[in-house]
């Protein structure tokens, strides 16, 4: 396998490059302190930190998309409770159609949440699959997918 940019043979799968450049640092310690009355306080401390080299950061998997559609649902539910109260303050009554309209807004928000989740999930899966097939050149840092070859087909020259 060769890098398409610099033609170097020094290439790695992105997942391998990421794992090779990842370090987990665990720290343990003891914290001691004094109090005004002369007593002492001691506490054990433990922390874990993951550190990535710049090369590993470049080879890392794509970030998954966040599902901001939850805000649509939250907004619709809040509107379901707030709008009738405000409407009542201005007009003195709440018409029946207002509740149907707000219920429809909640239904649309739920529909958008479900369909948006499915769409984003399939996009995330496709990006992850592409990352798992990707290689990175250790010389120039180019990320590439190997050329697809169809078995039994000879290229025309």
Protein backbone atom coordinates (compact mmCIF):
# COMPACT_ATOMS: atom_id res chain seq x y z
CA UNK A 1 0.00 0.00 0.00
CA UNK A 2 1.34 3.40 -0.99
CA UNK A 3 0.36 6.95 -0.15
CA UNK A 4 -1.28 8.53 -3.22
CA UNK A 5 0.36 11.90 -2.46
CA UNK A 6 4.01 11.12 -1.66
CA UNK A 7 4.10 7.42 -2.72
CA UNK A 8 5.59 6.37 0.63
CA UNK A 9 5.09 2.78 1.81
CA UNK A 10 5.12 3.94 5.43
CA UNK A 11 1.33 3.91 5.97
CA UNK A 12 -0.94 2.69 8.77
CA UNK A 13 -4.63 2.08 9.19
CA UNK A 14 -6.09 5.17 10.87
CA UNK A 15 -7.42 3.05 13.74
CA UNK A 16 -3.93 1.60 14.35
CA UNK A 17 -2.28 5.03 14.16
CA UNK A 18 -4.82 6.37 16.64
CA UNK A 19 -4.21 3.56 19.13
CA UNK A 20 -0.42 3.86 18.80
CA UNK A 21 -0.55 7.58 19.57
CA UNK A 22 -2.86 7.30 22.56
CA UNK A 23 -1.50 7.23 26.11
CA UNK A 24 -3.51 6.82 29.28
CA UNK A 25 -1.93 8.47 32.29
CA UNK A 26 -3.14 7.47 35.75
CA UNK A 27 -2.13 9.49 38.77
CA UNK A 28 -2.57 8.66 42.44
CA UNK A 29 -1.66 10.84 45.33
CA UNK A 30 -2.48 12.05 48.78
CA UNK A 31 -3.61 15.54 49.66
CA UNK A 32 -2.98 16.82 53.16
CA UNK A 33 -4.00 20.06 54.74
CA UNK A 34 -4.25 21.73 58.10
CA UNK A 35 -7.25 23.28 59.78
CA UNK A 36 -7.39 26.40 61.94
CA UNK A 37 -8.03 24.35 65.08
CA UNK A 38 -4.85 22.33 64.59
CA UNK A 39 -6.44 19.23 62.98
CA UNK A 40 -5.19 17.64 59.79
CA UNK A 41 -7.20 16.50 56.78
CA UNK A 42 -5.94 13.81 54.41
CA UNK A 43 -7.59 12.67 51.21
CA UNK A 44 -6.57 10.21 48.52
CA UNK A 45 -6.58 11.52 44.97
CA UNK A 46 -6.80 9.56 41.73
CA UNK A 47 -7.15 10.84 38.16
CA UNK A 48 -6.97 9.43 34.66
CA UNK A 49 -6.09 11.42 31.57
CA UNK A 50 -5.95 10.35 27.93
CA UNK A 51 -3.26 12.11 25.89
CA UNK A 52 -3.04 11.97 22.08
CA UNK A 53 -0.09 12.80 19.88
CA UNK A 54 -0.76 15.24 17.03
CA UNK A 55 -0.52 12.30 14.61
CA UNK A 56 -3.12 10.35 16.60
CA UNK A 57 -5.42 13.39 16.67
CA UNK A 58 -5.19 13.57 12.89
CA UNK A 59 -5.96 9.85 12.55
CA UNK A 60 -8.84 9.91 15.06
CA UNK A 61 -12.32 8.75 14.13
CA UNK A 62 -14.74 11.47 13.02
CA UNK A 63 -16.77 12.98 15.83
CA UNK A 64 -20.34 11.74 16.01
CA UNK A 65 -23.01 14.31 15.30
CA UNK A 66 -24.99 15.58 18.25
CA UNK A 67 -28.71 15.34 18.10
CA UNK A 68 -29.79 18.96 18.45
CA UNK A 69 -33.33 17.96 17.45
CA UNK A 70 -34.03 17.36 21.15
CA UNK A 71 -34.32 21.14 21.38
CA UNK A 72 -37.30 21.02 19.00
CA UNK A 73 -39.12 18.58 21.25
CA UNK A 74 -38.27 20.49 24.42
CA UNK A 75 -39.39 23.74 22.80
CA UNK A 76 -42.68 22.23 21.65
CA UNK A 77 -43.43 20.76 25.09
CA UNK A 78 -42.59 24.03 26.83
CA UNK A 79 -44.77 25.91 24.32
CA UNK A 80 -47.60 23.45 25.07
CA UNK A 81 -47.64 24.72 28.65
CA UNK A 82 -46.56 28.36 28.25
CA UNK A 83 -48.57 29.50 25.22
CA UNK A 84 -52.02 28.70 26.72
CA UNK A 85 -51.10 30.60 29.88
CA UNK A 86 -49.99 33.67 27.94
CA UNK A 87 -53.00 33.42 25.60
CA UNK A 88 -55.32 33.27 28.60
CA UNK A 89 -53.65 36.33 30.16
CA UNK A 90 -54.33 38.39 27.02
CA UNK A 91 -57.75 37.12 25.97
CA UNK A 92 -59.30 35.65 29.11
CA UNK A 93 -59.99 32.24 27.53
CA UNK A 94 -58.21 29.36 25.78
CA UNK A 95 -59.83 28.18 22.55
CA UNK A 96 -59.89 24.44 21.82
CA UNK A 97 -57.99 24.85 18.53
CA UNK A 98 -55.00 26.24 20.43
CA UNK A 99 -54.47 22.92 22.22
CA UNK A 100 -54.79 20.99 18.97
CA UNK A 101 -52.25 23.29 17.32
CA UNK A 102 -49.79 22.85 20.20
CA UNK A 103 -50.33 19.08 20.27
CA UNK A 104 -49.58 19.02 16.54
CA UNK A 105 -46.35 20.96 17.22
CA UNK A 106 -45.32 18.34 19.79
CA UNK A 107 -46.15 15.54 17.30
CA UNK A 108 -44.09 17.23 14.55
CA UNK A 109 -41.17 17.68 16.97
CA UNK A 110 -41.30 13.97 17.92
CA UNK A 111 -41.45 12.99 14.23
CA UNK A 112 -38.44 15.24 13.45
CA UNK A 113 -36.56 13.78 16.41
CA UNK A 114 -37.11 10.17 15.28
CA UNK A 115 -36.42 10.70 11.57
CA UNK A 116 -33.49 13.02 12.29
CA UNK A 117 -31.99 10.45 14.64
CA UNK A 118 -32.26 7.69 12.02
CA UNK A 119 -30.69 9.92 9.35
CA UNK A 120 -27.84 11.06 11.56
CA UNK A 121 -27.26 7.53 12.81
CA UNK A 122 -26.85 6.25 9.24
CA UNK A 123 -24.49 9.16 8.43
CA UNK A 124 -22.44 8.41 11.56
CA UNK A 125 -22.27 4.71 10.65
CA UNK A 126 -21.11 5.56 7.11
CA UNK A 127 -18.41 7.92 8.43
CA UNK A 128 -17.19 5.33 10.93
CA UNK A 129 -17.05 2.63 8.23
CA UNK A 130 -15.06 4.98 5.96
CA UNK A 131 -12.66 5.73 8.84
CA UNK A 132 -12.15 2.01 9.48
CA UNK A 133 -11.08 1.61 5.82
CA UNK A 134 -8.87 4.71 5.83
CA UNK A 135 -5.08 4.77 5.95
CA UNK A 136 -2.73 7.54 7.01
CA UNK A 137 0.73 8.23 5.65
CA UNK A 138 3.39 8.54 8.35
CA UNK A 139 5.54 10.73 6.10
CA UNK A 140 3.12 13.40 4.83
CA UNK A 141 -0.01 12.80 6.99
CA UNK A 142 -2.36 12.24 4.05
CA UNK A 143 -5.49 10.25 4.93
CA UNK A 144 -6.77 8.11 2.10
CA UNK A 145 -8.86 5.06 1.27
CA UNK A 146 -7.24 2.41 -0.91
CA UNK A 147 -8.52 2.29 -4.48
CA UNK A 148 -11.39 -0.16 -4.89
CA UNK A 149 -10.51 -3.02 -7.21
CA UNK A 150 -13.20 -5.16 -8.74
CA UNK A 151 -12.18 -8.85 -8.76
CA UNK A 152 -11.74 -10.35 -12.22
CA UNK A 153 -11.71 -7.00 -14.01
CA UNK A 154 -8.55 -5.84 -15.74
CA UNK A 155 -8.05 -2.13 -16.11
CA UNK A 156 -8.04 -0.73 -19.64
CA UNK A 157 -4.83 1.04 -20.59
